[in-house]
Every structure is written in structure tokens, then in C-alpha cells.
Amino acid sequence: MTETTNPKLSDSIKKLGYAHNSHIRLYGELLQLVSDPIVEGEKIVFVEGMELKSRRVKRLRIPLPVVMMAQRSLRTSNAR
């Protein structure tokens, strides 16, 4: 599922490293992302990732500071 209600926010979060096929550490777990960011609200963004150890796929919320950083980036680029 890659639906998004805010494609610009999704793109901004992808630029921060939360894009499909990226490897990240989130909440103490090493993950390979199997989806792009899924925006469900102004500050609610999820990503689906596969745990590298167990190969289990789960949906995790992207930390709010990351979402806020992406929103600030959008506001800055729109102000130019």
C-alpha cells in the first residue's frame, strides 16, 4: 500500500532516507523498507519495513521529529 494524502510530504520524507528499499535503524531495529512513506495525517506518517533478522514485515510510524523536519523543508522550499 503506497497511498498518500500528501505527496509532497511523502517526497520530502523520502529525501530524508525513508524511501522504498532503504535500510534504516528505527526504534532499535534494522529494517529494509518495503514501502514509501504513507501519509495518513498532517503529522501521522507510516512506513512498512521488513526486519532483517526475522524477515517479518511490520508497519511503523515515522518519528515525529523526522516528519516535522520534512514539513519545515517544504515550507522553506515553498517560500523561495
PDB file of N, CA and C in Angstrom:
ATOM      1  N   MET A   1       0.847  -1.184   0.000  1.00  0.00           N
ATOM      2  CA  MET A   1       0.000   0.000   0.000  1.00  0.00           C
ATOM      3  C   MET A   1       0.885   1.237   0.000  1.00  0.00           C
ATOM      4  N   THR A   2       0.746   2.079  -0.999  1.00  0.00           N
ATOM      5  CA  THR A   2       1.567   3.276  -1.074  1.00  0.00           C
ATOM      6  C   THR A   2       0.721   4.526  -1.269  1.00  0.00           C
ATOM      7  N   GLU A   3      -0.526   4.479  -0.869  1.00  0.00           N
ATOM      8  CA  GLU A   3      -1.386   5.649  -0.998  1.00  0.00           C
ATOM      9  C   GLU A   3      -0.883   6.752  -0.072  1.00  0.00           C
ATOM     10  N   THR A   4      -1.091   7.966  -0.483  1.00  0.00           N
ATOM     11  CA  THR A   4      -0.678   9.097   0.340  1.00  0.00           C
ATOM     12  C   THR A   4      -1.657  10.241   0.142  1.00  0.00           C
ATOM     13  N   THR A   5      -1.925  10.972   1.218  1.00  0.00           N
ATOM     14  CA  THR A   5      -2.810  12.116   1.119  1.00  0.00           C
ATOM     15  C   THR A   5      -2.011  13.399   0.878  1.00  0.00           C
ATOM     16  N   ASN A   6      -0.698  13.312   0.974  1.00  0.00           N
ATOM     17  CA  ASN A   6       0.151  14.478   0.789  1.00  0.00           C
ATOM     18  C   ASN A   6       1.430  14.045   0.072  1.00  0.00           C
ATOM     19  N   PRO A   7       1.410  14.002  -1.270  1.00  0.00           N
ATOM     20  CA  PRO A   7       2.582  13.507  -1.992  1.00  0.00           C
ATOM     21  C   PRO A   7       3.837  14.355  -1.779  1.00  0.00           C
ATOM     22  N   LYS A   8       3.688  15.658  -1.555  1.00  0.00           N
ATOM     23  CA  LYS A   8       4.867  16.496  -1.326  1.00  0.00           C
ATOM     24  C   LYS A   8       5.546  16.133  -0.012  1.00  0.00           C
ATOM     25  N   LEU A   9       4.759  15.872   1.031  1.00  0.00           N
ATOM     26  CA  LEU A   9       5.337  15.472   2.310  1.00  0.00           C
ATOM     27  C   LEU A   9       6.002  14.109   2.171  1.00  0.00           C
ATOM     28  N   SER A  10       5.359  13.208   1.466  1.00  0.00           N
ATOM     29  CA  SER A  10       5.938  11.885   1.233  1.00  0.00           C
ATOM     30  C   SER A  10       7.283  12.001   0.513  1.00  0.00           C
ATOM     31  N   ASP A  11       7.349  12.818  -0.517  1.00  0.00           N
ATOM     32  CA  ASP A  11       8.610  13.013  -1.247  1.00  0.00           C
ATOM     33  C   ASP A  11       9.690  13.613  -0.357  1.00  0.00           C
ATOM     34  N   SER A  12       9.316  14.563   0.486  1.00  0.00           N
ATOM     35  CA  SER A  12      10.272  15.192   1.387  1.00  0.00           C
ATOM     36  C   SER A  12      10.830  14.176   2.388  1.00  0.00           C
ATOM     37  N   ILE A  13       9.982  13.287   2.886  1.00  0.00           N
ATOM     38  CA  ILE A  13      10.431  12.257   3.834  1.00  0.00           C
ATOM     39  C   ILE A  13      11.320  11.241   3.127  1.00  0.00           C
ATOM     40  N   LYS A  14      11.016  10.931   1.876  1.00  0.00           N
ATOM     41  CA  LYS A  14      11.876  10.022   1.107  1.00  0.00           C
ATOM     42  C   LYS A  14      13.284  10.583   0.999  1.00  0.00           C
ATOM     43  N   LYS A  15      13.393  11.899   0.786  1.00  0.00           N
ATOM     44  CA  LYS A  15      14.714  12.535   0.672  1.00  0.00           C
ATOM     45  C   LYS A  15      15.509  12.440   1.972  1.00  0.00           C
ATOM     46  N   LEU A  16      14.815  12.223   3.082  1.00  0.00           N
ATOM     47  CA  LEU A  16      15.488  12.070   4.375  1.00  0.00           C
ATOM     48  C   LEU A  16      15.912  10.621   4.636  1.00  0.00           C
ATOM     49  N   GLY A  17      15.712   9.749   3.656  1.00  0.00           N
ATOM     50  CA  GLY A  17      16.192   8.379   3.766  1.00  0.00           C
ATOM     51  C   GLY A  17      15.135   7.328   4.019  1.00  0.00           C
ATOM     52  N   TYR A  18      13.872   7.714   4.027  1.00  0.00           N
ATOM     53  CA  TYR A  18      12.777   6.773   4.300  1.00  0.00           C
ATOM     54  C   TYR A  18      12.079   6.375   3.006  1.00  0.00           C
ATOM     55  N   ALA A  19      12.844   5.898   2.026  1.00  0.00           N
ATOM     56  CA  ALA A  19      12.291   5.505   0.727  1.00  0.00           C
ATOM     57  C   ALA A  19      12.327   3.985   0.581  1.00  0.00           C
ATOM     58  N   HIS A  20      11.495   3.474  -0.289  1.00  0.00           N
ATOM     59  CA  HIS A  20      11.418   2.039  -0.581  1.00  0.00           C
ATOM     60  C   HIS A  20      12.824   1.485  -0.842  1.00  0.00           C
ATOM     61  N   ASN A  21      13.123   0.338  -0.284  1.00  0.00           N
ATOM     62  CA  ASN A  21      14.393  -0.383  -0.418  1.00  0.00           C
ATOM     63  C   ASN A  21      15.539   0.200   0.397  1.00  0.00           C
ATOM     64  N   SER A  22      15.319   1.267   1.153  1.00  0.00           N
ATOM     65  CA  SER A  22      16.361   1.809   2.025  1.00  0.00           C
ATOM     66  C   SER A  22      16.517   0.911   3.250  1.00  0.00           C
ATOM     67  N   HIS A  23      17.719   0.892   3.803  1.00  0.00           N
ATOM     68  CA  HIS A  23      17.975   0.199   5.059  1.00  0.00           C
ATOM     69  C   HIS A  23      18.103   1.255   6.149  1.00  0.00           C
ATOM     70  N   ILE A  24      17.338   1.083   7.218  1.00  0.00           N
ATOM     71  CA  ILE A  24      17.353   2.060   8.304  1.00  0.00           C
ATOM     72  C   ILE A  24      17.341   1.338   9.641  1.00  0.00           C
ATOM     73  N   ARG A  25      17.692   2.078  10.681  1.00  0.00           N
ATOM     74  CA  ARG A  25      17.504   1.609  12.053  1.00  0.00           C
ATOM     75  C   ARG A  25      16.416   2.495  12.640  1.00  0.00           C
ATOM     76  N   LEU A  26      15.329   1.861  13.059  1.00  0.00           N
ATOM     77  CA  LEU A  26      14.191   2.592  13.605  1.00  0.00           C
ATOM     78  C   LEU A  26      13.705   1.863  14.843  1.00  0.00           C
ATOM     79  N   TYR A  27      13.611   2.586  15.938  1.00  0.00           N
ATOM     80  CA  TYR A  27      13.176   2.003  17.210  1.00  0.00           C
ATOM     81  C   TYR A  27      14.033   0.804  17.600  1.00  0.00           C
ATOM     82  N   GLY A  28      15.341   0.892  17.330  1.00  0.00           N
ATOM     83  CA  GLY A  28      16.275  -0.148  17.726  1.00  0.00           C
ATOM     84  C   GLY A  28      16.305  -1.368  16.829  1.00  0.00           C
ATOM     85  N   GLU A  29      15.601  -1.337  15.712  1.00  0.00           N
ATOM     86  CA  GLU A  29      15.553  -2.482  14.809  1.00  0.00           C
ATOM     87  C   GLU A  29      16.134  -2.111  13.455  1.00  0.00           C
ATOM     88  N   LEU A  30      16.862  -3.049  12.856  1.00  0.00           N
ATOM     89  CA  LEU A  30      17.355  -2.856  11.499  1.00  0.00           C
ATOM     90  C   LEU A  30      16.268  -3.309  10.533  1.00  0.00           C
ATOM     91  N   LEU A  31      15.931  -2.435   9.585  1.00  0.00           N
ATOM     92  CA  LEU A  31      14.827  -2.699   8.664  1.00  0.00           C
ATOM     93  C   LEU A  31      15.223  -2.402   7.232  1.00  0.00           C
ATOM     94  N   GLN A  32      14.620  -3.140   6.325  1.00  0.00           N
ATOM     95  CA  GLN A  32      14.641  -2.784   4.911  1.00  0.00           C
ATOM     96  C   GLN A  32      13.241  -2.301   4.594  1.00  0.00           C
ATOM     97  N   LEU A  33      13.120  -1.085   4.100  1.00  0.00           N
ATOM     98  CA  LEU A  33      11.795  -0.533   3.829  1.00  0.00           C
ATOM     99  C   LEU A  33      11.197  -1.189   2.593  1.00  0.00           C
ATOM    100  N   VAL A  34       9.948  -1.601   2.724  1.00  0.00           N
ATOM    101  CA  VAL A  34       9.247  -2.254   1.615  1.00  0.00           C
ATOM    102  C   VAL A  34       8.117  -1.372   1.079  1.00  0.00           C
ATOM    103  N   SER A  35       8.061  -0.133   1.558  1.00  0.00           N
ATOM    104  CA  SER A  35       7.093   0.829   1.029  1.00  0.00           C
ATOM    105  C   SER A  35       7.698   2.224   1.119  1.00  0.00           C
ATOM    106  N   ASP A  36       7.103   3.120   0.384  1.00  0.00           N
ATOM    107  CA  ASP A  36       7.423   4.538   0.550  1.00  0.00           C
ATOM    108  C   ASP A  36       6.585   5.041   1.720  1.00  0.00           C
ATOM    109  N   PRO A  37       6.867   6.237   2.222  1.00  0.00           N
ATOM    110  CA  PRO A  37       6.069   6.774   3.333  1.00  0.00           C
ATOM    111  C   PRO A  37       4.582   6.841   2.991  1.00  0.00           C
ATOM    112  N   ILE A  38       3.758   6.496   3.973  1.00  0.00           N
ATOM    113  CA  ILE A  38       2.306   6.519   3.831  1.00  0.00           C
ATOM    114  C   ILE A  38       1.790   7.616   4.757  1.00  0.00           C
ATOM    115  N   VAL A  39       1.335   8.721   4.176  1.00  0.00           N
ATOM    116  CA  VAL A  39       0.876   9.879   4.946  1.00  0.00           C
ATOM    117  C   VAL A  39      -0.605   9.688   5.248  1.00  0.00           C
ATOM    118  N   GLU A  40      -0.927   9.633   6.538  1.00  0.00           N
ATOM    119  CA  GLU A  40      -2.329   9.459   6.935  1.00  0.00           C
ATOM    120  C   GLU A  40      -2.889  10.695   7.618  1.00  0.00           C
ATOM    121  N   GLY A  41      -2.063  11.655   7.891  1.00  0.00           N
ATOM    122  CA  GLY A  41      -2.493  12.892   8.516  1.00  0.00           C
ATOM    123  C   GLY A  41      -1.349  13.877   8.481  1.00  0.00           C
ATOM    124  N   GLU A  42      -1.600  15.083   8.970  1.00  0.00           N
ATOM    125  CA  GLU A  42      -0.579  16.125   8.917  1.00  0.00           C
ATOM    126  C   GLU A  42       0.713  15.701   9.612  1.00  0.00           C
ATOM    127  N   LYS A  43       0.590  14.968  10.704  1.00  0.00           N
ATOM    128  CA  LYS A  43       1.775  14.555  11.452  1.00  0.00           C
ATOM    129  C   LYS A  43       1.822  13.045  11.668  1.00  0.00           C
ATOM    130  N   ILE A  44       1.028  12.309  10.918  1.00  0.00           N
ATOM    131  CA  ILE A  44       0.983  10.856  11.066  1.00  0.00           C
ATOM    132  C   ILE A  44       1.445  10.224   9.757  1.00  0.00           C
ATOM    133  N   VAL A  45       2.647   9.649   9.808  1.00  0.00           N
ATOM    134  CA  VAL A  45       3.242   9.043   8.620  1.00  0.00           C
ATOM    135  C   VAL A  45       3.794   7.679   9.011  1.00  0.00           C
ATOM    136  N   PHE A  46       3.468   6.681   8.211  1.00  0.00           N
ATOM    137  CA  PHE A  46       3.930   5.317   8.455  1.00  0.00           C
ATOM    138  C   PHE A  46       4.832   4.868   7.313  1.00  0.00           C
ATOM    139  N   VAL A  47       5.574   3.815   7.590  1.00  0.00           N
ATOM    140  CA  VAL A  47       6.358   3.145   6.566  1.00  0.00           C
ATOM    141  C   VAL A  47       6.322   1.658   6.896  1.00  0.00           C
ATOM    142  N   GLU A  48       6.326   0.827   5.873  1.00  0.00           N
ATOM    143  CA  GLU A  48       6.358  -0.610   6.102  1.00  0.00           C
ATOM    144  C   GLU A  48       7.782  -1.090   5.900  1.00  0.00           C
ATOM    145  N   GLY A  49       8.259  -1.871   6.858  1.00  0.00           N
ATOM    146  CA  GLY A  49       9.624  -2.358   6.800  1.00  0.00           C
ATOM    147  C   GLY A  49       9.724  -3.814   7.190  1.00  0.00           C
ATOM    148  N   MET A  50      10.720  -4.474   6.629  1.00  0.00           N
ATOM    149  CA  MET A  50      10.966  -5.876   6.944  1.00  0.00           C
ATOM    150  C   MET A  50      12.158  -5.942   7.899  1.00  0.00           C
ATOM    151  N   GLU A  51      11.953  -6.575   9.054  1.00  0.00           N
ATOM    152  CA  GLU A  51      13.043  -6.765   9.999  1.00  0.00           C
ATOM    153  C   GLU A  51      14.094  -7.646   9.332  1.00  0.00           C
ATOM    154  N   LEU A  52      15.344  -7.245   9.410  1.00  0.00           N
ATOM    155  CA  LEU A  52      16.384  -8.004   8.734  1.00  0.00           C
ATOM    156  C   LEU A  52      16.643  -9.349   9.407  1.00  0.00           C
ATOM    157  N   LYS A  53      16.452  -9.431  10.720  1.00  0.00           N
ATOM    158  CA  LYS A  53      16.691 -10.702  11.421  1.00  0.00           C
ATOM    159  C   LYS A  53      15.576 -11.704  11.188  1.00  0.00           C
ATOM    160  N   SER A  54      14.339 -11.293  11.408  1.00  0.00           N
ATOM    161  CA  SER A  54      13.213 -12.240  11.357  1.00  0.00           C
ATOM    162  C   SER A  54      12.522 -12.282   9.996  1.00  0.00           C
ATOM    163  N   ARG A  55      12.803 -11.299   9.126  1.00  0.00           N
ATOM    164  CA  ARG A  55      12.161 -11.178   7.811  1.00  0.00           C
ATOM    165  C   ARG A  55      10.664 -10.875   7.925  1.00  0.00           C
ATOM    166  N   ARG A  56      10.230 -10.450   9.107  1.00  0.00           N
ATOM    167  CA  ARG A  56       8.823 -10.117   9.333  1.00  0.00           C
ATOM    168  C   ARG A  56       8.558  -8.669   8.890  1.00  0.00           C
ATOM    169  N   VAL A  57       7.447  -8.465   8.191  1.00  0.00           N
ATOM    170  CA  VAL A  57       7.077  -7.121   7.734  1.00  0.00           C
ATOM    171  C   VAL A  57       6.142  -6.496   8.756  1.00  0.00           C
ATOM    172  N   LYS A  58       6.421  -5.234   9.078  1.00  0.00           N
ATOM    173  CA  LYS A  58       5.557  -4.517  10.018  1.00  0.00           C
ATOM    174  C   LYS A  58       5.440  -3.067   9.594  1.00  0.00           C
ATOM    175  N   ARG A  59       4.383  -2.431  10.053  1.00  0.00           N
ATOM    176  CA  ARG A  59       4.148  -1.014   9.778  1.00  0.00           C
ATOM    177  C   ARG A  59       4.594  -0.224  10.996  1.00  0.00           C
ATOM    178  N   LEU A  60       5.457   0.768  10.763  1.00  0.00           N
ATOM    179  CA  LEU A  60       5.991   1.584  11.842  1.00  0.00           C
ATOM    180  C   LEU A  60       5.721   3.055  11.567  1.00  0.00           C
ATOM    181  N   ARG A  61       5.473   3.784  12.624  1.00  0.00           N
ATOM    182  CA  ARG A  61       5.266   5.220  12.488  1.00  0.00           C
ATOM    183  C   ARG A  61       6.626   5.911  12.409  1.00  0.00           C
ATOM    184  N   ILE A  62       6.757   6.803  11.446  1.00  0.00           N
ATOM    185  CA  ILE A  62       7.991   7.584  11.327  1.00  0.00           C
ATOM    186  C   ILE A  62       8.010   8.575  12.485  1.00  0.00           C
ATOM    187  N   PRO A  63       9.140   8.709  13.169  1.00  0.00           N
ATOM    188  CA  PRO A  63       9.212   9.598  14.333  1.00  0.00           C
ATOM    189  C   PRO A  63       8.784  11.036  13.990  1.00  0.00           C
ATOM    190  N   LEU A  64       8.050  11.644  14.902  1.00  0.00           N
ATOM    191  CA  LEU A  64       7.530  12.996  14.693  1.00  0.00           C
ATOM    192  C   LEU A  64       8.629  14.014  14.357  1.00  0.00           C
ATOM    193  N   PRO A  65       9.804  13.985  15.004  1.00  0.00           N
ATOM    194  CA  PRO A  65      10.840  14.956  14.610  1.00  0.00           C
ATOM    195  C   PRO A  65      11.247  14.847  13.135  1.00  0.00           C
ATOM    196  N   VAL A  66      11.218  13.652  12.573  1.00  0.00           N
ATOM    197  CA  VAL A  66      11.535  13.476  11.149  1.00  0.00           C
ATOM    198  C   VAL A  66      10.436  14.097  10.292  1.00  0.00           C
ATOM    199  N   VAL A  67       9.183  13.865  10.674  1.00  0.00           N
ATOM    200  CA  VAL A  67       8.053  14.445   9.934  1.00  0.00           C
ATOM    201  C   VAL A  67       8.113  15.973  10.006  1.00  0.00           C
ATOM    202  N   MET A  68       8.406  16.511  11.190  1.00  0.00           N
ATOM    203  CA  MET A  68       8.489  17.964  11.355  1.00  0.00           C
ATOM    204  C   MET A  68       9.631  18.551  10.508  1.00  0.00           C
ATOM    205  N   MET A  69      10.766  17.836  10.441  1.00  0.00           N
ATOM    206  CA  MET A  69      11.888  18.289   9.628  1.00  0.00           C
ATOM    207  C   MET A  69      11.487  18.333   8.151  1.00  0.00           C
ATOM    208  N   ALA A  70      10.757  17.335   7.702  1.00  0.00           N
ATOM    209  CA  ALA A  70      10.299  17.299   6.312  1.00  0.00           C
ATOM    210  C   ALA A  70       9.318  18.438   6.035  1.00  0.00           C
ATOM    211  N   GLN A  71       8.431  18.711   6.988  1.00  0.00           N
ATOM    212  CA  GLN A  71       7.477  19.811   6.812  1.00  0.00           C
ATOM    213  C   GLN A  71       8.194  21.162   6.757  1.00  0.00           C
ATOM    214  N   ARG A  72       9.209  21.343   7.609  1.00  0.00           N
ATOM    215  CA  ARG A  72       9.986  22.591   7.574  1.00  0.00           C
ATOM    216  C   ARG A  72      10.688  22.747   6.233  1.00  0.00           C
ATOM    217  N   SER A  73      11.212  21.654   5.717  1.00  0.00           N
ATOM    218  CA  SER A  73      11.886  21.687   4.422  1.00  0.00           C
ATOM    219  C   SER A  73      10.914  22.119   3.330  1.00  0.00           C
ATOM    220  N   LEU A  74       9.694  21.615   3.383  1.00  0.00           N
ATOM    221  CA  LEU A  74       8.680  22.006   2.401  1.00  0.00           C
ATOM    222  C   LEU A  74       8.340  23.494   2.497  1.00  0.00           C
ATOM    223  N   ARG A  75       8.174  23.970   3.735  1.00  0.00           N
ATOM    224  CA  ARG A  75       7.845  25.395   3.915  1.00  0.00           C
ATOM    225  C   ARG A  75       8.969  26.278   3.404  1.00  0.00           C
ATOM    226  N   THR A  76      10.219  25.876   3.646  1.00  0.00           N
ATOM    227  CA  THR A  76      11.369  26.649   3.186  1.00  0.00           C
ATOM    228  C   THR A  76      11.435  26.686   1.670  1.00  0.00           C
ATOM    229  N   SER A  77      11.210  25.531   1.040  1.00  0.00           N
ATOM    230  CA  SER A  77      11.277  25.490  -0.423  1.00  0.00           C
ATOM    231  C   SER A  77      10.107  26.230  -1.061  1.00  0.00           C
ATOM    232  N   ASN A  78       8.954  26.274  -0.403  1.00  0.00           N
ATOM    233  CA  ASN A  78       7.794  26.998  -0.928  1.00  0.00           C
ATOM    234  C   ASN A  78       7.955  28.504  -0.748  1.00  0.00           C
ATOM    235  N   ALA A  79       8.762  28.933   0.219  1.00  0.00           N
ATOM    236  CA  ALA A  79       8.960  30.357   0.467  1.00  0.00           C
ATOM    237  C   ALA A  79       9.911  31.006  -0.536  1.00  0.00           C
ATOM    238  N   ARG A  80      10.641  30.177  -1.255  1.00  0.00           N
ATOM    239  CA  ARG A  80      11.629  30.729  -2.214  1.00  0.00           C
ATOM    240  C   ARG A  80      10.993  31.202  -3.464  1.00  0.00           C
TER     241      ARG A  80
END
